[in-house]
Amino acid sequence: MTDHAEQAEPAEPTEPAGRRRARPGAAARPRLAPAAPEPGAREQAALEPTGPEPTGPEPTGPEPGGAQPGAPEPPGAEPAAPEPGAPRPPGEIRSWPPSFADRLTSPLPGVRALARLAREGRLRPPVESLREIPELPFEPGPLPLTGPGRTALTWAGHASWVVRIGGLTVLTDPVWARKILGTPARVTPVGVRWEDLPPVDAVVISHNHYDHLDAPTVKRLPKATPVFVPAGLARWFRVRGFTRVTELDWWEAAELPGEDGPVRFDFVPSHHWSKRTLTDTCRSLWGGWVITAPDGQRVYFAGDTGYGHWFRQIGRRYPGIDIALLPIGAYEPRWMLAGVHTDPEEAVQAHLDLGARVLAPMHWSTFLLAAEPPLEPLHRIRAAWQATGRPREELWDLPVGASRVLE
C-alpha cells in the first residue's frame, strides 16, 4: 500500500497431482504467538484529487466453472480451501462482480480513524531515526547462473523480485521507479538495473496499490509479456496494450511453458484490500502467488498482507514451500495497519503457519511508508527468527540487490 492518500495516475494513450510430499517434521516446528492487533481501523483510504482511470466496455463472457473462492474467516471457524483444480486457459476474457469488498478481513477506515491519523501525524518515522538510512543494506551484484533444479531469487527492493524458476524469469510487483505517487522517494536504489535483466517471461501482480503496480515500470515491458493479475485487474493492462493478460480468482491457477515443462502460477488469498482511484475501492482483488516449477520447487510471494488464517490454509494446500517472500515493513501505527501489514513477528509466525523452509523478508528498506524507524524491521525479524530455534541459514535477510539460489 502507499501510506499517503494515493493520487489517480494520469490517463495514458491447485495443486497438481503427483506433487511432492511435505517435508517430515514441518508440523512440529516451534511457533511464535502472533502479536495481537490493536483494535482500530485499517489503513488510510485514498483521497485522490482526480477521477477513475479511463473507462470503456471490456468484452465479457460467461464465467466457466471452477473452484469457488475463499471467504473471510467466519467467527469461530476456519473455511476450508477448495480442492485444487485444473489450470485455467491463459488470457481468457472473464466477468466479475462489481466489488470484492466481501473478501475483506478487516474494515476499511472511517472518518474517526482519518481524524485520529491527522491529529497524530504518525505515518512517518521519527526524524531522529532517519540517520539510519545510510545503514540500510544495499549490495547489488550480478544475477546468478541458473539451471535445472536451481531456483534463483534476487531482491530488487520493496516487493520486487527477479525469480528465475523452471527456466523462466518472473518479476513480482515490479517497481523500478525512483518515486511513486503519494510517497517519498526511494531510500535505497533499485537493486537490479533494468538493462541487466534477462528477457522477462512473466510478471505477477499482487494488487493495484501504487507501490506494487507502477505504470512507468509496466510501460517498459514488451506488450506481449505474459502478465498474471488478480480478478478485476486485467483491463488496466489491456487498455495499455498488453495482449497476454490472465486474471485469476483466489485458489485458481494458470500455467506457462518453461524449459523443463509447465510452470504453475496459483493465486492465493491475502489479508489486504485494493484501491487506485476515488471510485474503485475493492473493485479488483488482492492476493499472493505460489509459483511451482516442473521439478516441484515452490516459491510463495505474499504481496501485501496482514496476519491471519489464510497462511495455514495456503500451507496445507501447497505443502513443501521452499521459500516464502513475506512483508515485514510499513506496520506502524498498529491501530491502523495491523489488519493489512504484518509486522516482523507476525511474518515469522506466518512462515511457520505456511510450513515453508526458507523465509525471505521484503517490503522494507526501500520506501518509508509508515512510522517505524528504517532499521527496526531488520532487527525485529532477526530476533523473532532466533526465538524459533530455526537454523539461521534459513532466514534470507538479503540486502537490496542481493541474490540466493535454491538447490
Protein backbone atom coordinates (compact mmCIF):
# COMPACT_ATOMS: atom_id res chain seq x y z
CA MET A 1 0.00 0.00 0.00
CA THR A 2 1.00 3.63 -0.13
CA ASP A 3 0.79 5.28 3.24
CA HIS A 4 -0.27 8.68 1.92
CA ALA A 5 -3.53 9.33 0.18
CA GLU A 6 -2.97 7.90 -3.26
CA GLN A 7 -3.45 10.00 -6.34
CA ALA A 8 -5.07 8.82 -9.52
CA GLU A 9 -2.45 8.34 -12.17
CA PRO A 10 -2.84 10.38 -15.35
CA ALA A 11 -4.71 8.72 -18.18
CA GLU A 12 -2.37 7.01 -20.63
CA PRO A 13 -2.97 6.88 -24.53
CA THR A 14 -4.23 -26.00 -7.20
CA GLU A 15 -2.17 -28.17 -6.51
CA PRO A 16 -1.41 -30.69 -9.33
CA ALA A 17 -1.46 -34.42 -8.92
CA GLY A 18 1.86 -36.01 -8.09
CA ARG A 19 3.24 -33.04 -6.17
CA ARG A 20 5.97 -34.00 -3.72
CA ARG A 21 5.05 -34.56 -0.09
CA ALA A 22 5.61 -32.05 2.66
CA ARG A 23 8.89 -32.40 4.50
CA PRO A 24 8.69 -34.60 7.60
CA GLY A 25 8.51 -32.73 10.84
CA ALA A 26 7.21 -29.46 9.42
CA ALA A 27 4.15 -29.51 11.65
CA ALA A 28 6.28 -29.86 14.78
CA ARG A 29 8.29 -26.70 14.31
CA PRO A 30 8.22 -24.20 17.17
CA ARG A 31 5.66 -21.46 16.84
CA LEU A 32 5.58 -17.83 17.80
CA ALA A 33 2.42 -16.31 19.14
CA PRO A 34 1.44 -13.53 16.73
CA ALA A 35 1.20 -10.05 18.12
CA ALA A 36 -2.39 -9.22 18.91
CA PRO A 37 -3.60 -6.41 16.67
CA GLU A 38 -4.83 -3.37 18.49
CA PRO A 39 -8.46 -2.56 17.81
CA GLY A 40 -8.89 0.11 15.23
CA ALA A 41 -9.41 0.93 11.61
CA ARG A 42 -7.49 -0.21 8.59
CA GLU A 43 -5.05 1.73 6.53
CA GLN A 44 -5.98 5.17 5.26
CA ALA A 45 -8.47 5.37 2.43
CA ALA A 46 -7.10 7.06 -0.63
CA LEU A 47 -8.24 10.64 -1.19
CA GLU A 48 -7.20 11.18 -4.79
CA PRO A 49 -7.95 14.53 -6.40
CA THR A 50 -8.87 13.05 -9.75
CA GLY A 51 -11.37 10.60 -11.07
CA PRO A 52 -11.10 6.98 -12.14
CA GLU A 53 -8.97 5.58 -14.90
CA PRO A 54 -10.31 5.58 -18.46
CA THR A 55 -13.44 3.53 -18.76
CA GLY A 56 -14.98 1.69 -21.60
CA PRO A 57 -16.61 -1.61 -22.38
CA GLU A 58 -14.44 -4.65 -21.87
CA PRO A 59 -15.60 -7.86 -23.54
CA THR A 60 -17.03 -10.28 -21.06
CA GLY A 61 -18.11 -13.83 -21.34
CA PRO A 62 -19.77 -16.47 -19.24
CA GLU A 63 -17.73 -17.47 -16.22
CA PRO A 64 -16.58 -21.09 -16.62
CA GLY A 65 -16.99 -23.36 -13.66
CA GLY A 66 -14.15 -23.89 -11.23
CA ALA A 67 -13.10 -23.73 -7.63
CA GLN A 68 -15.17 -21.43 -5.52
CA PRO A 69 -13.20 -18.60 -3.91
CA GLY A 70 -12.41 -18.46 -0.23
CA ALA A 71 -14.42 -16.29 2.10
CA PRO A 72 -13.44 -14.12 5.07
CA GLU A 73 -12.91 -16.07 8.26
CA PRO A 74 -16.26 -16.70 9.98
CA PRO A 75 -16.48 -16.33 13.77
CA GLY A 76 -15.25 -19.48 15.48
CA ALA A 77 -14.49 -21.36 12.28
CA GLU A 78 -11.95 -21.53 9.51
CA PRO A 79 -13.17 -22.10 5.94
CA ALA A 80 -11.51 -24.92 4.08
CA ALA A 81 -9.54 -24.17 0.95
CA PRO A 82 -11.15 -25.71 -2.14
CA GLU A 83 -9.55 -28.70 -3.77
CA PRO A 84 -7.01 -27.84 -6.49
CA GLY A 85 -8.39 -27.50 -9.96
CA ALA A 86 -7.01 -27.67 -13.47
CA PRO A 87 -5.20 -24.58 -14.78
CA ARG A 88 -7.43 -22.04 -16.44
CA PRO A 89 -6.92 -21.05 -20.07
CA PRO A 90 -4.42 -18.18 -20.37
CA GLY A 91 -5.73 -14.81 -21.47
CA GLU A 92 -9.43 -15.63 -21.23
CA ILE A 93 -11.92 -12.77 -21.02
CA ARG A 94 -13.91 -13.02 -17.81
CA SER A 95 -16.66 -11.17 -15.98
CA TRP A 96 -16.53 -10.34 -12.29
CA PRO A 97 -18.78 -8.91 -9.58
CA PRO A 98 -18.71 -5.11 -9.22
CA SER A 99 -16.95 -5.33 -5.84
CA PHE A 100 -14.77 -7.69 -3.84
CA ALA A 101 -15.50 -5.92 -0.54
CA ASP A 102 -16.97 -9.16 0.80
CA ARG A 103 -13.41 -10.57 0.81
CA LEU A 104 -12.15 -8.01 3.33
CA THR A 105 -10.95 -9.47 6.63
CA SER A 106 -10.79 -6.14 8.47
CA PRO A 107 -12.86 -2.99 7.96
CA LEU A 108 -11.82 0.00 5.93
CA PRO A 109 -11.14 3.17 7.95
CA GLY A 110 -13.83 5.70 8.65
CA VAL A 111 -13.89 9.39 9.46
CA ARG A 112 -12.78 8.88 13.07
CA ALA A 113 -9.73 6.91 12.03
CA LEU A 114 -8.72 9.54 9.50
CA ALA A 115 -9.22 12.28 12.09
CA ARG A 116 -7.03 10.40 14.56
CA LEU A 117 -4.35 9.98 11.92
CA ALA A 118 -4.48 13.70 11.14
CA ARG A 119 -4.10 14.53 14.86
CA GLU A 120 -1.23 12.14 15.46
CA GLY A 121 0.51 12.59 12.12
CA ARG A 122 2.12 9.18 12.51
CA LEU A 123 2.86 7.82 9.07
CA ARG A 124 6.50 8.87 9.00
CA PRO A 125 9.46 7.57 11.01
CA PRO A 126 10.75 9.74 13.85
CA VAL A 127 13.06 12.41 12.47
CA GLU A 128 15.95 11.27 14.64
CA SER A 129 15.71 7.75 13.17
CA LEU A 130 16.36 8.99 9.62
CA ARG A 131 20.09 8.89 10.37
CA GLU A 132 19.73 5.11 9.93
CA ILE A 133 19.06 5.44 6.20
CA PRO A 134 22.74 5.19 5.12
CA GLU A 135 22.97 1.92 7.07
CA LEU A 136 20.19 0.21 5.09
CA PRO A 137 21.74 -2.86 3.40
CA PHE A 138 22.38 -2.46 -0.32
CA GLU A 139 24.65 -4.94 -2.11
CA PRO A 140 23.84 -5.22 -5.82
CA GLY A 141 25.59 -7.95 -7.74
CA PRO A 142 25.33 -9.99 -10.93
CA LEU A 143 22.37 -12.28 -11.37
CA PRO A 144 23.37 -15.88 -10.54
CA LEU A 145 23.52 -18.65 -13.10
CA THR A 146 20.55 -20.99 -13.12
CA GLY A 147 19.84 -24.43 -14.49
CA PRO A 148 17.65 -27.48 -13.91
CA GLY A 149 16.68 -27.80 -10.27
CA ARG A 150 18.02 -24.34 -9.37
CA THR A 151 15.67 -21.51 -8.50
CA ALA A 152 17.39 -18.14 -8.10
CA LEU A 153 15.91 -15.09 -6.40
CA THR A 154 17.19 -11.52 -6.50
CA TRP A 155 15.65 -8.77 -4.38
CA ALA A 156 15.28 -5.58 -6.41
CA GLY A 157 13.70 -3.80 -3.42
CA HIS A 158 10.28 -3.45 -1.77
CA ALA A 159 8.09 -6.27 -3.20
CA SER A 160 10.00 -6.53 -6.49
CA TRP A 161 11.87 -9.80 -7.02
CA VAL A 162 13.56 -11.37 -10.01
CA VAL A 163 12.55 -15.03 -9.68
CA ARG A 164 14.22 -17.44 -12.09
CA ILE A 165 12.34 -20.71 -11.87
CA GLY A 166 11.73 -23.60 -14.24
CA GLY A 167 13.66 -21.84 -16.99
CA LEU A 168 11.52 -18.68 -16.72
CA THR A 169 12.38 -15.19 -15.47
CA VAL A 170 9.45 -13.85 -13.43
CA LEU A 171 9.10 -10.35 -11.96
CA THR A 172 6.93 -9.83 -8.88
CA ASP A 173 5.20 -6.45 -8.42
CA PRO A 174 7.87 -4.67 -10.50
CA VAL A 175 8.57 -1.12 -9.31
CA TRP A 176 11.72 0.32 -10.88
CA ALA A 177 10.70 3.97 -10.43
CA ARG A 178 12.62 6.24 -8.08
CA LYS A 179 9.38 7.69 -6.73
CA ILE A 180 5.78 6.54 -6.70
CA LEU A 181 2.67 8.65 -6.36
CA GLY A 182 1.86 9.67 -2.81
CA THR A 183 5.11 8.56 -1.16
CA PRO A 184 8.63 9.89 -0.59
CA ALA A 185 11.37 8.81 -2.98
CA ARG A 186 13.24 5.54 -2.52
CA VAL A 187 15.83 5.49 0.23
CA THR A 188 17.80 2.71 -1.49
CA PRO A 189 18.31 2.42 -5.26
CA VAL A 190 16.76 -0.37 -7.30
CA GLY A 191 18.84 -3.48 -6.71
CA VAL A 192 18.91 -4.62 -10.34
CA ARG A 193 19.42 -2.27 -13.27
CA TRP A 194 16.67 -2.67 -15.86
CA GLU A 195 19.22 -3.16 -18.63
CA ASP A 196 20.77 -6.06 -16.68
CA LEU A 197 17.54 -8.06 -16.59
CA PRO A 198 17.31 -11.16 -18.78
CA PRO A 199 14.25 -11.32 -21.04
CA VAL A 200 11.19 -11.24 -18.79
CA ASP A 201 9.00 -14.30 -19.34
CA ALA A 202 6.19 -13.38 -16.93
CA VAL A 203 5.02 -10.79 -14.41
CA VAL A 204 2.82 -11.41 -11.36
CA ILE A 205 0.91 -8.59 -9.64
CA SER A 206 -0.47 -8.91 -6.11
CA HIS A 207 -2.84 -5.90 -6.11
CA ASN A 208 -3.27 -2.43 -7.56
CA HIS A 209 -1.74 -0.12 -4.93
CA TYR A 210 0.84 2.22 -6.42
CA ASP A 211 3.81 0.73 -4.60
CA HIS A 212 3.02 -2.66 -6.17
CA LEU A 213 1.67 -1.67 -9.58
CA ASP A 214 3.83 1.05 -11.12
CA ALA A 215 2.68 2.35 -14.50
CA PRO A 216 6.09 3.77 -15.60
CA THR A 217 7.73 0.39 -14.94
CA VAL A 218 4.97 -1.54 -16.67
CA LYS A 219 5.37 0.66 -19.75
CA ARG A 220 8.95 -0.61 -20.11
CA LEU A 221 7.77 -4.20 -20.62
CA PRO A 222 7.08 -5.65 -24.07
CA LYS A 223 3.34 -5.71 -24.68
CA ALA A 224 3.44 -9.46 -25.34
CA THR A 225 4.78 -10.21 -21.85
CA PRO A 226 2.52 -12.72 -20.06
CA VAL A 227 1.01 -10.99 -17.02
CA PHE A 228 -0.84 -12.74 -14.19
CA VAL A 229 -3.13 -10.46 -12.19
CA PRO A 230 -5.93 -10.58 -9.61
CA ALA A 231 -9.55 -10.74 -10.70
CA GLY A 232 -10.76 -7.39 -11.99
CA LEU A 233 -7.33 -6.01 -12.92
CA ALA A 234 -6.89 -7.35 -16.46
CA ARG A 235 -8.50 -4.32 -18.07
CA TRP A 236 -5.86 -2.00 -16.57
CA PHE A 237 -3.26 -3.87 -18.60
CA ARG A 238 -5.33 -4.42 -21.72
CA VAL A 239 -6.07 -0.73 -22.20
CA ARG A 240 -2.30 -0.23 -22.10
CA GLY A 241 -1.80 -2.66 -24.97
CA PHE A 242 -0.86 -5.87 -23.17
CA THR A 243 -2.08 -8.89 -25.10
CA ARG A 244 -1.38 -11.84 -22.77
CA VAL A 245 -3.13 -10.99 -19.51
CA THR A 246 -4.56 -13.73 -17.29
CA GLU A 247 -6.70 -12.73 -14.30
CA LEU A 248 -7.49 -15.22 -11.57
CA ASP A 249 -9.69 -15.55 -8.52
CA TRP A 250 -8.37 -16.94 -5.24
CA TRP A 251 -7.35 -20.61 -5.46
CA GLU A 252 -7.23 -20.55 -9.26
CA ALA A 253 -4.15 -21.33 -11.34
CA ALA A 254 -2.67 -20.91 -14.79
CA GLU A 255 0.44 -22.33 -16.44
CA LEU A 256 3.21 -21.07 -18.68
CA PRO A 257 5.55 -23.35 -20.67
CA GLY A 258 9.10 -23.48 -19.35
CA GLU A 259 12.30 -25.18 -20.44
CA ASP A 260 11.55 -28.36 -18.47
CA GLY A 261 7.76 -28.30 -18.54
CA PRO A 262 4.94 -26.02 -17.42
CA VAL A 263 5.46 -23.59 -14.55
CA ARG A 264 2.30 -23.19 -12.49
CA PHE A 265 1.03 -19.88 -11.05
CA ASP A 266 -1.57 -20.20 -8.27
CA PHE A 267 -3.31 -17.07 -6.97
CA VAL A 268 -3.95 -17.30 -3.23
CA PRO A 269 -5.73 -15.11 -0.65
CA SER A 270 -4.19 -12.37 1.47
CA HIS A 271 -5.42 -10.03 4.19
CA HIS A 272 -5.42 -6.74 2.33
CA TRP A 273 -7.56 -4.55 0.02
CA SER A 274 -7.36 -2.62 -3.24
CA LYS A 275 -7.81 0.98 -4.36
CA ARG A 276 -6.24 3.14 -7.06
CA THR A 277 -8.73 5.94 -7.74
CA LEU A 278 -11.60 7.69 -5.98
CA THR A 279 -14.19 5.24 -7.24
CA ASP A 280 -12.55 1.81 -7.47
CA THR A 281 -12.25 0.68 -3.83
CA CYS A 282 -12.10 -3.14 -3.77
CA ARG A 283 -13.19 -3.41 -7.40
CA SER A 284 -10.23 -5.67 -8.11
CA LEU A 285 -8.97 -8.47 -5.92
CA TRP A 286 -5.73 -8.78 -3.92
CA GLY A 287 -3.62 -11.79 -3.02
CA GLY A 288 -0.33 -13.64 -3.30
CA TRP A 289 1.18 -16.15 -5.70
CA VAL A 290 2.52 -19.68 -5.36
CA ILE A 291 4.87 -20.43 -8.25
CA THR A 292 5.74 -24.09 -8.80
CA ALA A 293 8.46 -25.40 -11.12
CA PRO A 294 8.09 -28.68 -13.05
CA ASP A 295 10.50 -30.36 -10.59
CA GLY A 296 8.37 -29.26 -7.63
CA GLN A 297 10.44 -26.34 -6.36
CA ARG A 298 7.97 -23.85 -4.97
CA VAL A 299 8.08 -20.11 -4.20
CA TYR A 300 5.38 -18.25 -2.27
CA PHE A 301 5.14 -14.49 -2.86
CA ALA A 302 2.79 -12.90 -0.34
CA GLY A 303 2.41 -9.42 -1.86
CA ASP A 304 0.90 -7.14 0.81
CA THR A 305 -0.88 -8.79 3.71
CA GLY A 306 -1.76 -8.73 7.35
CA TYR A 307 -1.54 -11.82 9.54
CA GLY A 308 -4.44 -14.26 9.63
CA HIS A 309 -5.92 -17.64 8.85
CA TRP A 310 -5.05 -17.70 5.16
CA PHE A 311 -1.44 -18.71 5.83
CA ARG A 312 -2.46 -22.00 7.43
CA GLN A 313 -4.71 -22.80 4.50
CA ILE A 314 -2.05 -21.95 1.93
CA GLY A 315 0.46 -24.15 3.76
CA ARG A 316 -1.94 -27.10 3.83
CA ARG A 317 -2.86 -26.77 0.19
CA TYR A 318 0.70 -26.23 -1.06
CA PRO A 319 2.92 -28.41 1.12
CA GLY A 320 6.67 -28.17 0.84
CA ILE A 321 7.01 -24.45 0.07
CA ASP A 322 10.74 -23.90 -0.41
CA ILE A 323 10.81 -20.16 0.22
CA ALA A 324 8.25 -17.64 1.44
CA LEU A 325 8.71 -14.00 0.42
CA LEU A 326 6.95 -12.17 3.25
CA PRO A 327 6.48 -8.45 4.05
CA ILE A 328 7.96 -7.13 7.30
CA GLY A 329 7.68 -3.33 6.99
CA ALA A 330 5.15 -0.47 6.92
CA TYR A 331 3.43 -1.67 10.10
CA GLU A 332 3.24 1.35 12.43
CA PRO A 333 0.90 2.56 13.84
CA ARG A 334 -0.57 -0.85 14.62
CA TRP A 335 -4.02 0.54 15.44
CA MET A 336 -4.28 1.44 11.78
CA LEU A 337 -2.14 -1.07 9.87
CA ALA A 338 -2.35 -4.34 11.80
CA GLY A 339 -5.13 -5.69 9.60
CA VAL A 340 -3.25 -5.26 6.35
CA HIS A 341 0.51 -5.31 7.08
CA THR A 342 2.35 -7.96 9.05
CA ASP A 343 4.98 -6.81 11.50
CA PRO A 344 8.22 -8.84 11.72
CA GLU A 345 6.98 -11.17 14.45
CA GLU A 346 3.79 -11.88 12.51
CA ALA A 347 5.82 -12.57 9.38
CA VAL A 348 7.77 -15.24 11.25
CA GLN A 349 4.52 -16.73 12.54
CA ALA A 350 3.10 -16.69 9.01
CA HIS A 351 6.19 -18.53 7.80
CA LEU A 352 5.66 -21.21 10.44
CA ASP A 353 1.98 -21.49 9.51
CA LEU A 354 2.98 -21.99 5.88
CA GLY A 355 5.43 -24.77 6.75
CA ALA A 356 7.97 -23.15 4.44
CA ARG A 357 11.67 -23.96 4.55
CA VAL A 358 13.21 -20.51 3.97
CA LEU A 359 11.91 -17.03 4.87
CA ALA A 360 12.99 -14.04 2.77
CA PRO A 361 11.78 -10.69 4.18
CA MET A 362 10.65 -7.90 1.85
CA HIS A 363 8.56 -4.70 1.87
CA TRP A 364 11.06 -2.72 3.92
CA SER A 365 14.29 -0.75 3.31
CA THR A 366 13.03 0.82 0.07
CA PHE A 367 10.15 3.28 0.65
CA LEU A 368 9.48 4.74 4.10
CA LEU A 369 5.74 4.14 4.13
CA ALA A 370 4.96 4.12 7.84
CA ALA A 371 6.14 5.24 11.26
CA GLU A 372 8.66 2.59 12.31
CA PRO A 373 12.37 3.55 12.21
CA PRO A 374 14.11 2.42 8.99
CA LEU A 375 16.24 -0.38 10.51
CA GLU A 376 13.70 -1.63 13.06
CA PRO A 377 12.15 -4.31 10.79
CA LEU A 378 15.55 -5.96 10.28
CA HIS A 379 16.38 -6.03 13.99
CA ARG A 380 12.96 -7.41 14.90
CA ILE A 381 12.86 -10.12 12.21
CA ARG A 382 16.26 -11.41 13.30
CA ALA A 383 15.21 -11.53 16.95
CA ALA A 384 11.89 -13.21 16.13
CA TRP A 385 13.64 -15.78 13.96
CA GLN A 386 16.19 -16.57 16.65
CA ALA A 387 13.36 -17.16 19.12
CA THR A 388 12.02 -20.01 16.97
CA GLY A 389 15.24 -22.01 17.18
CA ARG A 390 15.23 -22.47 13.42
CA PRO A 391 18.60 -22.57 11.59
CA ARG A 392 19.96 -19.09 10.91
CA GLU A 393 20.73 -20.01 7.30
CA GLU A 394 17.01 -20.44 6.62
CA LEU A 395 16.43 -16.71 7.16
CA TRP A 396 17.46 -14.95 3.96
CA ASP A 397 17.53 -11.36 5.20
CA LEU A 398 19.02 -10.15 1.94
CA PRO A 399 20.34 -6.67 1.23
CA VAL A 400 18.61 -4.91 -1.66
CA GLY A 401 20.26 -6.19 -4.84
CA ALA A 402 21.48 -9.49 -3.39
CA SER A 403 20.69 -12.97 -4.73
CA ARG A 404 20.42 -16.51 -3.40
CA VAL A 405 19.89 -19.85 -5.10
CA LEU A 406 17.65 -22.72 -4.02
CA GLU A 407 19.28 -26.05 -4.79
